[in-house]
């Protein structure tokens, strides 16, 4: 509702204005009334109304004087003069002041209604314009920030050429310190915190950490998110003098304060890894990678710690895992599902009982076990290829946030692929392709019948599927799928009153134009022509 202020010294005229219109029906509400210009000015400054209806001739300050004073303080207020004097001089002065309209007494309801509609529309237009301006400024700011964040990510990953990019010019002066130190902050329970406290909104998590960081860290510290890892944030501290870098206690204290404050806000569990101090911009990447390694030195269950990089090397895998790894190697070779499950569960019971297991060693253990699974699978079925290579990428493994999540992911992946290896080693390629055909036939309306989907589901390469299907059924798989979908479409066209768009969807085509082209190509007529002829 937009607020209206009525200023009129005659009580009965003010009452008439108040009852002349169903104000709420026009999106307006009478917020206040005043008997003269002085009282009207005070009421306007207190209420900040959107629209003022005011008499011209009043005791003390008249309507024009009041309007001039109000517009100095509230320039967006719409003011309508009401007078019994049909005097052009008043109208001219009102227009010069920028007032919105001028009404001559006696006032008719239609005139007030017309002005109300016009002024409400003007307010709405102005609000929409402001909203668009704010959105544009926000979008521009967000785009620039994302651009700089992307450039900084490239830089810390080792792309020194980025410093000379024209788009980096605004940040380049920052890289003129005598020494630097990188740190990485990681939210260890990122998935849970984002879900439980931020309704799944990733931007809100970043906004929280950015705000807290800007309050705690000194002006010589850059804080930005790591784009390929949403739970991690990068800090780069610049030191004015090289000797400051030999005693980075202040940066360490600020990181500890940052961990403490973020940890107390929305129940986020955070750690910080510190890289070493370096004296050249080209070495910032080295400090950053050491900050990541410092995080890998922590136990997965650690929280609220600031860990400095140490030179001692992490082991390939936890020492307590060795007997389980040897047993798993034999169980995998024999494709023994029950024993593999027992070994994995025993391994993670042991890991939970250990006082400290560096997370870096856990990631390496996972990668090693997945490679072992792949090798065992390849030994049972050589054509399987590199099916587990995606799990060896450390950037995938470090997203796992707990031992429970690691156990579940590893066990699920291993048992699925063991099951597939068993199935295909027993059935052979002919039986496998028969199963694939049955699946395709039963799910012909599904959009998930691409070669990629089928290759993943049946553990074969796309080339292998096409070759075996053609060899066994003397028909190209894609043509088989199209033929069955067209038969489904023709049946629906004959027996139902569904629209062509609905029939396209029920035949496995989300794009109705593509369905139209395929149907005409296969049948020689459009769906509508086919329905008419049948």
Protein backbone atom coordinates (compact mmCIF):
# COMPACT_ATOMS: atom_id res chain seq x y z
CA UNK A 1 0.00 0.00 0.00
CA UNK A 2 1.18 3.51 -0.83
CA UNK A 3 0.74 6.10 1.96
CA UNK A 4 -1.38 9.25 1.51
CA UNK A 5 -1.25 12.41 3.63
CA UNK A 6 -4.21 14.87 3.60
CA UNK A 7 -3.43 18.52 4.48
CA UNK A 8 -6.50 20.79 4.67
CA UNK A 9 -7.54 23.42 7.23
CA UNK A 10 -11.28 22.93 6.64
CA UNK A 11 -12.37 19.86 8.62
CA UNK A 12 -15.41 19.03 6.47
CA UNK A 13 -13.34 19.26 3.22
CA UNK A 14 -10.65 16.98 4.74
CA UNK A 15 -13.39 14.51 5.76
CA UNK A 16 -14.79 14.71 2.23
CA UNK A 17 -11.38 13.85 0.75
CA UNK A 18 -11.03 10.96 3.19
CA UNK A 19 -14.39 9.43 2.17
CA UNK A 20 -14.42 10.46 -1.49
CA UNK A 21 -12.62 7.31 -2.61
CA UNK A 22 -12.18 3.66 -1.69
CA UNK A 23 -8.47 4.32 -1.29
CA UNK A 24 -7.49 0.69 -0.62
CA UNK A 25 -9.04 -0.37 -3.90
CA UNK A 26 -6.42 1.81 -5.60
CA UNK A 27 -3.52 0.46 -3.53
CA UNK A 28 -3.54 3.50 -1.20
CA UNK A 29 -4.06 4.08 2.51
CA UNK A 30 -4.62 7.33 4.45
CA UNK A 31 -1.51 7.44 6.66
CA UNK A 32 -2.21 10.82 8.29
CA UNK A 33 -3.99 14.17 8.25
CA UNK A 34 -2.90 17.75 9.06
CA UNK A 35 -4.76 21.06 9.55
CA UNK A 36 -2.17 23.52 8.20
CA UNK A 37 1.17 23.78 6.40
CA UNK A 38 3.37 23.63 9.52
CA UNK A 39 1.62 20.51 10.81
CA UNK A 40 1.64 19.03 7.28
CA UNK A 41 5.40 19.52 6.98
CA UNK A 42 6.06 17.75 10.29
CA UNK A 43 3.66 14.93 9.39
CA UNK A 44 5.29 14.48 5.96
CA UNK A 45 8.79 14.28 7.43
CA UNK A 46 7.61 11.74 10.03
CA UNK A 47 5.38 9.57 7.81
CA UNK A 48 7.25 9.90 4.49
CA UNK A 49 4.04 9.54 2.46
CA UNK A 50 4.09 8.63 -1.22
CA UNK A 51 1.30 11.09 -2.12
CA UNK A 52 0.13 14.35 -0.49
CA UNK A 53 -3.15 16.12 -1.22
CA UNK A 54 -2.86 19.68 0.14
CA UNK A 55 -4.93 22.84 0.15
CA UNK A 56 -3.17 25.99 -1.17
CA UNK A 57 -4.49 28.70 1.13
CA UNK A 58 -4.03 27.77 4.80
CA UNK A 59 -3.13 29.67 8.00
CA UNK A 60 0.60 30.12 8.53
CA UNK A 61 2.62 28.19 5.94
CA UNK A 62 0.54 27.80 2.78
CA UNK A 63 0.44 24.72 0.55
CA UNK A 64 3.03 25.95 -1.94
CA UNK A 65 5.55 26.84 0.78
CA UNK A 66 4.98 23.50 2.47
CA UNK A 67 5.35 21.61 -0.84
CA UNK A 68 8.64 23.36 -1.58
CA UNK A 69 10.03 22.40 1.84
CA UNK A 70 8.82 18.81 1.56
CA UNK A 71 10.33 18.31 -1.90
CA UNK A 72 13.71 19.44 -0.59
CA UNK A 73 13.64 16.56 1.92
CA UNK A 74 11.45 14.04 0.10
CA UNK A 75 11.96 14.62 -3.64
CA UNK A 76 10.12 11.44 -4.68
CA UNK A 77 6.85 12.45 -2.97
CA UNK A 78 3.96 13.18 -5.33
CA UNK A 79 2.08 16.39 -4.30
CA UNK A 80 -1.36 17.40 -5.57
CA UNK A 81 -2.59 20.96 -4.91
CA UNK A 82 -6.29 21.42 -4.05
CA UNK A 83 -7.76 24.92 -4.26
CA UNK A 84 -11.01 26.79 -4.72
CA UNK A 85 -9.20 29.48 -6.65
CA UNK A 86 -9.06 28.89 -10.35
CA UNK A 87 -5.87 30.91 -10.63
CA UNK A 88 -3.35 30.13 -13.37
CA UNK A 89 -0.57 31.71 -11.28
CA UNK A 90 -0.96 28.93 -8.69
CA UNK A 91 -0.98 26.27 -11.40
CA UNK A 92 2.12 27.74 -13.03
CA UNK A 93 3.98 27.94 -9.70
CA UNK A 94 2.92 24.37 -8.86
CA UNK A 95 4.30 23.10 -12.16
CA UNK A 96 7.55 25.01 -11.64
CA UNK A 97 7.92 23.33 -8.25
CA UNK A 98 7.51 19.95 -9.92
CA UNK A 99 4.18 19.13 -8.34
CA UNK A 100 2.12 16.41 -9.92
CA UNK A 101 -1.33 17.88 -10.38
CA UNK A 102 -3.78 20.63 -9.47
CA UNK A 103 -7.43 20.13 -8.48
CA UNK A 104 -10.14 22.81 -8.37
CA UNK A 105 -12.83 22.63 -5.69
CA UNK A 106 -15.42 21.22 -5.65
CA UNK A 107 -13.63 17.97 -6.37
CA UNK A 108 -15.37 15.06 -8.07
CA UNK A 109 -14.65 11.40 -7.23
CA UNK A 110 -13.71 10.69 -10.87
CA UNK A 111 -10.97 13.35 -10.74
CA UNK A 112 -9.43 11.96 -7.54
CA UNK A 113 -9.66 8.40 -8.91
CA UNK A 114 -7.96 9.43 -12.14
CA UNK A 115 -5.11 11.13 -10.27
CA UNK A 116 -4.80 8.16 -7.85
CA UNK A 117 -4.41 5.70 -10.74
CA UNK A 118 -1.84 7.94 -12.44
CA UNK A 119 0.27 8.53 -9.31
CA UNK A 120 0.26 4.86 -8.25
CA UNK A 121 1.40 3.91 -11.75
CA UNK A 122 4.20 6.49 -11.57
CA UNK A 123 5.37 5.13 -8.21
CA UNK A 124 5.32 1.58 -9.55
CA UNK A 125 7.30 2.60 -12.63
CA UNK A 126 9.90 4.36 -10.48
CA UNK A 127 10.20 1.34 -8.16
CA UNK A 128 10.62 -0.99 -11.14
CA UNK A 129 13.27 1.30 -12.62
CA UNK A 130 15.17 1.36 -9.31
CA UNK A 131 14.86 -2.41 -8.99
CA UNK A 132 16.31 -2.88 -12.48
CA UNK A 133 19.15 -0.45 -11.73
CA UNK A 134 19.98 -2.34 -8.52
CA UNK A 135 19.85 -5.67 -10.35
CA UNK A 136 22.11 -4.34 -13.11
CA UNK A 137 24.62 -2.97 -10.60
CA UNK A 138 24.54 -6.25 -8.67
CA UNK A 139 24.94 -8.32 -11.86
CA UNK A 140 27.84 -6.14 -13.01
CA UNK A 141 29.49 -6.34 -9.59
CA UNK A 142 28.96 -10.10 -9.41
CA UNK A 143 30.30 -10.59 -12.95
CA UNK A 144 33.42 -8.54 -12.20
CA UNK A 145 33.97 -10.40 -8.94
CA UNK A 146 33.55 -13.76 -10.65
CA UNK A 147 35.98 -12.67 -13.39
CA UNK A 148 38.62 -11.67 -10.84
CA UNK A 149 37.99 -14.84 -8.84
CA UNK A 150 38.57 -16.88 -12.01
CA UNK A 151 41.77 -14.99 -12.80
CA UNK A 152 43.04 -15.43 -9.24
CA UNK A 153 42.26 -19.16 -9.35
CA UNK A 154 44.28 -19.52 -12.54
CA UNK A 155 47.10 -17.53 -10.98
CA UNK A 156 47.41 -19.60 -7.79
CA UNK A 157 47.30 -22.78 -9.87
CA UNK A 158 50.49 -21.61 -11.58
CA UNK A 159 49.47 -19.50 -14.58
CA UNK A 160 51.86 -16.55 -14.11
CA UNK A 161 50.95 -15.10 -17.51
CA UNK A 162 47.63 -14.04 -16.06
CA UNK A 163 49.38 -11.15 -14.28
CA UNK A 164 49.96 -9.52 -17.64
CA UNK A 165 46.35 -9.91 -18.83
CA UNK A 166 44.58 -6.61 -19.43
CA UNK A 167 41.58 -7.71 -17.33
CA UNK A 168 43.94 -8.27 -14.38
CA UNK A 169 45.14 -4.66 -14.34
CA UNK A 170 42.90 -3.63 -11.42
CA UNK A 171 44.36 -6.37 -9.25
CA UNK A 172 47.93 -6.16 -10.54
CA UNK A 173 48.97 -3.30 -8.17
CA UNK A 174 48.14 -5.60 -5.27
CA UNK A 175 50.95 -7.89 -6.39
CA UNK A 176 53.72 -5.46 -5.48
CA UNK A 177 54.48 -6.64 -1.95
CA UNK A 178 57.90 -7.72 -0.76
CA UNK A 179 56.65 -11.14 0.38
CA UNK A 180 53.52 -13.30 0.29
CA UNK A 181 51.90 -16.19 2.13
CA UNK A 182 48.97 -18.33 0.98
CA UNK A 183 46.42 -20.16 3.09
CA UNK A 184 43.44 -22.38 2.31
CA UNK A 185 40.31 -22.43 4.47
CA UNK A 186 38.14 -25.52 4.15
CA UNK A 187 34.60 -26.00 5.48
CA UNK A 188 34.77 -29.64 6.54
CA UNK A 189 31.01 -30.12 6.86
CA UNK A 190 30.20 -27.97 3.83
CA UNK A 191 27.43 -30.19 2.39
CA UNK A 192 25.59 -30.45 5.72
CA UNK A 193 26.03 -26.76 6.61
CA UNK A 194 24.81 -25.63 3.19
CA UNK A 195 21.77 -27.93 3.40
CA UNK A 196 20.79 -27.34 7.04
CA UNK A 197 21.58 -23.65 7.51
CA UNK A 198 21.56 -22.07 4.05
CA UNK A 199 18.72 -23.94 2.30
CA UNK A 200 21.23 -25.28 -0.24
CA UNK A 201 22.29 -21.77 -1.35
CA UNK A 202 26.01 -21.87 -2.17
CA UNK A 203 26.19 -18.08 -2.64
CA UNK A 204 25.01 -17.51 0.94
CA UNK A 205 27.85 -19.65 2.33
CA UNK A 206 30.36 -17.63 0.32
CA UNK A 207 28.75 -14.34 1.41
CA UNK A 208 29.04 -15.35 5.09
CA UNK A 209 32.73 -16.27 4.84
CA UNK A 210 33.53 -13.23 2.71
CA UNK A 211 31.87 -10.88 5.24
CA UNK A 212 33.54 -12.44 8.27
CA UNK A 213 36.89 -12.52 6.46
CA UNK A 214 36.70 -8.85 5.51
CA UNK A 215 36.09 -7.96 9.18
CA UNK A 216 38.90 -10.07 10.63
CA UNK A 217 41.70 -10.16 8.06
CA UNK A 218 43.86 -7.10 7.47
CA UNK A 219 43.69 -4.95 4.33
CA UNK A 220 46.75 -6.75 2.94
CA UNK A 221 44.86 -10.06 2.60
CA UNK A 222 42.91 -11.25 -0.43
CA UNK A 223 40.13 -13.76 0.24
CA UNK A 224 38.39 -15.55 -2.61
CA UNK A 225 36.74 -18.89 -3.26
CA UNK A 226 38.33 -21.85 -4.98
CA UNK A 227 36.11 -22.38 -8.01
CA UNK A 228 36.69 -26.13 -8.49
CA UNK A 229 36.11 -26.88 -4.80
CA UNK A 230 33.14 -25.04 -3.27
CA UNK A 231 34.10 -25.94 0.30
CA UNK A 232 37.53 -24.26 0.03
CA UNK A 233 38.54 -20.59 0.13
CA UNK A 234 41.95 -19.12 -0.65
CA UNK A 235 43.73 -16.36 1.26
CA UNK A 236 46.84 -14.53 0.06
CA UNK A 237 48.61 -12.25 2.55
CA UNK A 238 50.99 -9.58 1.30
CA UNK A 239 53.86 -8.27 3.45
CA UNK A 240 55.12 -4.71 2.92
CA UNK A 241 58.64 -5.66 4.00
CA UNK A 242 60.40 -8.94 3.45
CA UNK A 243 61.41 -9.20 7.12
CA UNK A 244 57.68 -9.15 8.09
CA UNK A 245 57.37 -12.47 6.33
CA UNK A 246 59.92 -14.05 8.64
CA UNK A 247 57.51 -13.50 11.57
CA UNK A 248 54.00 -14.13 10.19
CA UNK A 249 52.44 -14.35 13.68
CA UNK A 250 49.79 -11.73 12.91
CA UNK A 251 48.52 -13.67 9.88
CA UNK A 252 48.50 -16.86 11.95
CA UNK A 253 46.49 -15.13 14.72
CA UNK A 254 44.03 -13.71 12.22
CA UNK A 255 43.52 -17.17 10.66
CA UNK A 256 42.84 -18.61 14.11
CA UNK A 257 40.33 -15.85 14.80
CA UNK A 258 38.72 -16.46 11.40
CA UNK A 259 38.36 -20.19 12.16
CA UNK A 260 36.88 -19.42 15.57
CA UNK A 261 34.31 -16.89 14.34
CA UNK A 262 33.20 -18.90 11.28
CA UNK A 263 33.01 -22.02 13.44
CA UNK A 264 30.64 -20.26 15.83
CA UNK A 265 28.41 -19.11 12.99
CA UNK A 266 25.82 -21.52 11.59
CA UNK A 267 27.79 -24.51 13.00
CA UNK A 268 30.40 -24.70 10.25
CA UNK A 269 33.46 -26.86 11.01
CA UNK A 270 36.52 -25.23 9.45
CA UNK A 271 40.28 -25.73 9.23
CA UNK A 272 43.01 -23.60 7.68
CA UNK A 273 46.18 -24.84 6.01
CA UNK A 274 49.13 -22.41 5.86
CA UNK A 275 51.72 -22.35 3.10
CA UNK A 276 55.18 -20.91 3.54
CA UNK A 277 56.25 -17.30 3.00
CA UNK A 278 57.64 -16.57 -0.48
CA UNK A 279 59.31 -13.48 -1.92
CA UNK A 280 58.12 -13.49 -5.54
CA UNK A 281 54.69 -13.45 -7.14
CA UNK A 282 55.65 -16.49 -9.23
CA UNK A 283 56.09 -18.45 -5.97
CA UNK A 284 52.61 -17.74 -4.61
CA UNK A 285 51.42 -20.88 -6.40
CA UNK A 286 54.00 -22.90 -4.48
CA UNK A 287 52.79 -21.44 -1.17
CA UNK A 288 49.20 -22.22 -2.15
CA UNK A 289 49.94 -25.88 -2.96
CA UNK A 290 51.76 -26.24 0.35
CA UNK A 291 48.71 -24.80 2.12
CA UNK A 292 46.64 -27.58 0.52
CA UNK A 293 49.18 -30.16 1.68
CA UNK A 294 48.97 -28.68 5.19
CA UNK A 295 45.24 -29.45 5.18
CA UNK A 296 46.03 -32.99 4.06
CA UNK A 297 48.24 -33.37 7.14
CA UNK A 298 45.16 -33.04 9.37
CA UNK A 299 42.98 -35.93 10.47
CA UNK A 300 39.60 -36.08 8.75
CA UNK A 301 37.99 -35.59 12.15
CA UNK A 302 39.97 -32.47 13.02
CA UNK A 303 38.20 -29.14 13.24
CA UNK A 304 38.97 -25.51 14.07
CA UNK A 305 42.71 -25.90 13.48
CA UNK A 306 45.29 -23.76 11.71
CA UNK A 307 47.94 -26.14 10.38
CA UNK A 308 51.28 -25.01 8.95
CA UNK A 309 52.92 -26.96 6.14
CA UNK A 310 55.52 -29.47 7.30
CA UNK A 311 58.27 -31.00 5.19
CA UNK A 312 57.72 -34.57 6.42
CA UNK A 313 56.26 -36.67 3.62
CA UNK A 314 52.88 -38.36 3.91
CA UNK A 315 52.87 -42.11 3.46
CA UNK A 316 51.24 -43.71 0.43
CA UNK A 317 48.49 -45.01 2.72
CA UNK A 318 47.83 -45.49 6.47
CA UNK A 319 50.02 -48.20 8.01
CA UNK A 320 46.98 -49.84 9.64
CA UNK A 321 45.47 -50.43 6.19
CA UNK A 322 48.20 -52.75 4.91
CA UNK A 323 46.75 -56.14 6.04
CA UNK A 324 43.30 -55.19 4.67
CA UNK A 325 44.78 -54.12 1.32
CA UNK A 326 46.55 -57.47 0.93
CA UNK A 327 43.36 -59.35 1.77
CA UNK A 328 41.29 -57.22 -0.61
CA UNK A 329 43.68 -57.94 -3.45
CA UNK A 330 42.93 -61.66 -3.13
CA UNK A 331 39.17 -61.15 -2.60
CA UNK A 332 38.93 -58.92 -5.67
CA UNK A 333 40.81 -61.42 -7.80
CA UNK A 334 38.26 -64.06 -6.81
CA UNK A 335 35.32 -61.62 -7.20
CA UNK A 336 34.22 -62.63 -3.69
CA UNK A 337 31.54 -60.06 -2.80
CA UNK A 338 30.97 -61.01 0.85
CA UNK A 339 34.66 -61.10 1.73
CA UNK A 340 35.28 -57.74 -0.04
CA UNK A 341 32.49 -56.18 2.00
CA UNK A 342 33.86 -57.66 5.25
CA UNK A 343 37.36 -56.37 4.43
CA UNK A 344 36.16 -52.84 3.63
CA UNK A 345 34.05 -52.63 6.78
CA UNK A 346 36.93 -53.99 8.86
CA UNK A 347 39.31 -51.48 7.29
CA UNK A 348 37.09 -48.53 8.19
CA UNK A 349 36.50 -49.82 11.73
CA UNK A 350 40.26 -49.81 12.16
CA UNK A 351 40.60 -46.34 10.62
CA UNK A 352 37.96 -44.96 13.02
CA UNK A 353 39.84 -46.48 15.97
CA UNK A 354 43.14 -44.88 14.94
CA UNK A 355 44.03 -41.75 16.91
CA UNK A 356 45.21 -39.82 13.84
CA UNK A 357 45.09 -40.65 10.15
CA UNK A 358 46.16 -37.79 7.84
CA UNK A 359 43.47 -37.14 5.25
CA UNK A 360 46.08 -37.13 2.49
CA UNK A 361 46.84 -40.76 3.29
CA UNK A 362 43.13 -41.58 3.22
CA UNK A 363 42.72 -40.05 -0.24
CA UNK A 364 45.69 -42.02 -1.52
CA UNK A 365 44.28 -45.20 0.02
CA UNK A 366 40.95 -44.68 -1.76
CA UNK A 367 42.66 -44.06 -5.08
CA UNK A 368 44.82 -47.16 -4.58
CA UNK A 369 41.83 -49.40 -3.78
CA UNK A 370 39.89 -48.13 -6.78
CA UNK A 371 42.85 -48.79 -9.06
CA UNK A 372 43.12 -52.27 -7.57
CA UNK A 373 39.43 -52.86 -8.33
CA UNK A 374 39.94 -51.72 -11.90
CA UNK A 375 42.94 -53.98 -12.39
CA UNK A 376 41.10 -56.96 -10.97
CA UNK A 377 38.10 -56.23 -13.18
CA UNK A 378 40.30 -55.91 -16.25
CA UNK A 379 41.89 -59.26 -15.43
CA UNK A 380 38.46 -60.91 -15.40
CA UNK A 381 37.18 -59.00 -18.40
CA UNK A 382 39.99 -57.24 -20.35
CA UNK A 383 37.70 -55.24 -22.63
CA UNK A 384 36.29 -53.31 -19.65
CA UNK A 385 38.85 -50.55 -20.20
CA UNK A 386 39.38 -47.55 -17.94
CA UNK A 387 36.01 -47.60 -16.21
CA UNK A 388 37.23 -46.43 -12.79
CA UNK A 389 39.73 -43.80 -13.90
CA UNK A 390 37.32 -41.02 -12.95
CA UNK A 391 37.58 -42.03 -9.29
CA UNK A 392 41.37 -41.68 -9.24
CA UNK A 393 41.17 -37.93 -9.71
CA UNK A 394 42.12 -36.40 -6.35
CA UNK A 395 39.74 -33.48 -6.92
CA UNK A 396 36.87 -35.99 -6.76
CA UNK A 397 38.14 -37.86 -3.71
CA UNK A 398 38.79 -34.77 -1.57
CA UNK A 399 35.11 -33.82 -1.79
CA UNK A 400 34.30 -36.73 0.54
CA UNK A 401 33.78 -35.15 3.97
CA UNK A 402 33.74 -38.05 6.43
CA UNK A 403 34.91 -41.63 6.96
CA UNK A 404 31.29 -42.76 6.66
CA UNK A 405 30.97 -41.08 3.26
CA UNK A 406 34.28 -42.59 2.12
CA UNK A 407 33.24 -46.07 3.22
CA UNK A 408 29.86 -45.82 1.52
CA UNK A 409 31.28 -44.48 -1.75
CA UNK A 410 34.13 -47.02 -1.89
CA UNK A 411 31.99 -50.02 -0.93
CA UNK A 412 29.18 -49.10 -3.32
CA UNK A 413 31.56 -48.58 -6.23
CA UNK A 414 33.54 -51.76 -5.62
CA UNK A 415 30.53 -54.02 -5.13
CA UNK A 416 28.77 -52.65 -8.21
CA UNK A 417 31.75 -53.29 -10.46
CA UNK A 418 32.41 -56.71 -8.96
CA UNK A 419 28.78 -57.60 -9.64
CA UNK A 420 29.11 -56.43 -13.24
CA UNK A 421 32.35 -58.35 -13.73
CA UNK A 422 30.68 -61.51 -12.38
CA UNK A 423 27.66 -61.05 -14.59
CA UNK A 424 29.62 -60.64 -17.77
CA UNK A 425 32.24 -63.27 -17.02
CA UNK A 426 29.40 -65.78 -16.58
CA UNK A 427 27.03 -64.69 -19.31
CA UNK A 428 29.45 -63.78 -22.07
CA UNK A 429 28.94 -61.08 -24.70
CA UNK A 430 25.91 -62.69 -26.43
CA UNK A 431 23.95 -62.93 -23.21
CA UNK A 432 25.00 -59.40 -22.25
CA UNK A 433 23.74 -57.94 -25.53
CA UNK A 434 20.50 -59.89 -25.16
CA UNK A 435 20.00 -58.31 -21.72
CA UNK A 436 20.72 -54.89 -23.20
CA UNK A 437 18.11 -55.43 -25.94
CA UNK A 438 15.51 -56.47 -23.37
CA UNK A 439 16.22 -53.35 -21.36
CA UNK A 440 15.95 -51.10 -24.43
CA UNK A 441 12.68 -52.72 -25.50
CA UNK A 442 11.16 -52.37 -22.02
CA UNK A 443 12.28 -48.73 -21.67
CA UNK A 444 11.86 -47.53 -25.25
CA UNK A 445 10.10 -44.31 -24.15
CA UNK A 446 12.97 -43.31 -21.84
CA UNK A 447 15.35 -40.57 -22.93
CA UNK A 448 18.24 -42.39 -21.22
CA UNK A 449 18.93 -44.75 -24.13
CA UNK A 450 22.02 -43.03 -25.47
CA UNK A 451 25.10 -45.11 -26.20
CA UNK A 452 26.83 -43.41 -23.30
CA UNK A 453 24.08 -44.37 -20.86
CA UNK A 454 23.95 -47.95 -22.11
CA UNK A 455 27.75 -48.29 -22.10
CA UNK A 456 27.87 -47.21 -18.47
CA UNK A 457 25.00 -49.48 -17.45
CA UNK A 458 26.25 -52.60 -19.23
CA UNK A 459 29.95 -52.04 -18.75
CA UNK A 460 30.84 -52.01 -22.42
CA UNK A 461 32.25 -49.42 -24.76
CA UNK A 462 29.82 -47.75 -27.24
CA UNK A 463 31.73 -49.35 -30.11
CA UNK A 464 31.43 -52.78 -28.50
CA UNK A 465 27.65 -52.37 -28.02
CA UNK A 466 27.11 -51.34 -31.65
CA UNK A 467 29.27 -54.18 -33.00
CA UNK A 468 27.69 -56.91 -30.86
CA UNK A 469 24.11 -55.69 -31.45
CA UNK A 470 24.58 -55.56 -35.23
CA UNK A 471 26.26 -58.97 -35.24
CA UNK A 472 23.54 -60.62 -33.15
CA UNK A 473 20.39 -58.94 -34.54
CA UNK A 474 21.44 -57.80 -38.04
CA UNK A 475 20.18 -54.29 -37.25
CA UNK A 476 21.80 -51.07 -36.11
CA UNK A 477 20.96 -50.32 -32.45
CA UNK A 478 20.00 -46.71 -33.15
CA UNK A 479 17.68 -47.79 -35.98
CA UNK A 480 16.15 -50.39 -33.67
CA UNK A 481 15.42 -47.69 -31.06
CA UNK A 482 13.94 -45.34 -33.69
CA UNK A 483 11.81 -48.12 -35.17
CA UNK A 484 10.31 -49.04 -31.78
CA UNK A 485 9.67 -45.41 -30.91
CA UNK A 486 7.94 -44.79 -34.22
CA UNK A 487 5.76 -47.86 -33.69
CA UNK A 488 4.81 -46.51 -30.26
CA UNK A 489 4.01 -43.09 -31.77
CA UNK A 490 1.88 -44.60 -34.57
CA UNK A 491 -0.06 -46.67 -32.07
CA UNK A 492 -0.82 -43.59 -29.95
CA UNK A 493 -1.81 -41.56 -33.03
CA UNK A 494 -4.28 -44.28 -34.02
CA UNK A 495 -5.79 -45.01 -30.61
CA UNK A 496 -5.68 -41.78 -28.61
CA UNK A 497 -6.69 -38.12 -28.78
CA UNK A 498 -3.38 -36.96 -27.30
CA UNK A 499 -1.63 -33.95 -28.87
CA UNK A 500 1.43 -34.47 -31.05
CA UNK A 501 3.56 -32.90 -28.29
CA UNK A 502 2.22 -35.36 -25.72
CA UNK A 503 2.77 -38.29 -28.08
CA UNK A 504 6.33 -37.12 -28.75
CA UNK A 505 7.06 -37.17 -25.01
CA UNK A 506 5.48 -40.59 -24.56
CA UNK A 507 7.61 -41.89 -27.45
CA UNK A 508 10.91 -40.78 -25.90
CA UNK A 509 11.33 -37.38 -27.61
CA UNK A 510 11.44 -34.21 -25.51
CA UNK A 511 11.95 -32.05 -28.62
CA UNK A 512 8.68 -32.07 -30.57
CA UNK A 513 10.30 -30.53 -33.67
CA UNK A 514 12.89 -33.30 -33.78
CA UNK A 515 10.14 -35.89 -33.32
CA UNK A 516 8.21 -34.31 -36.20
CA UNK A 517 11.25 -34.52 -38.51
CA UNK A 518 12.02 -38.12 -37.51
CA UNK A 519 8.40 -39.21 -37.94
CA UNK A 520 8.15 -37.71 -41.43
CA UNK A 521 11.51 -39.21 -42.39
CA UNK A 522 10.44 -42.70 -41.25
CA UNK A 523 6.84 -42.70 -42.49
CA UNK A 524 6.81 -40.17 -45.33
CA UNK A 525 4.02 -38.12 -43.71
CA UNK A 526 3.49 -35.82 -40.75
CA UNK A 527 1.92 -37.10 -37.49
CA UNK A 528 -1.28 -35.16 -38.30
CA UNK A 529 -1.48 -36.69 -41.81
CA UNK A 530 -0.88 -40.16 -40.37
CA UNK A 531 -3.70 -39.68 -37.84
CA UNK A 532 -6.07 -38.46 -40.58
CA UNK A 533 -5.27 -41.43 -42.83
CA UNK A 534 -5.64 -44.00 -40.07
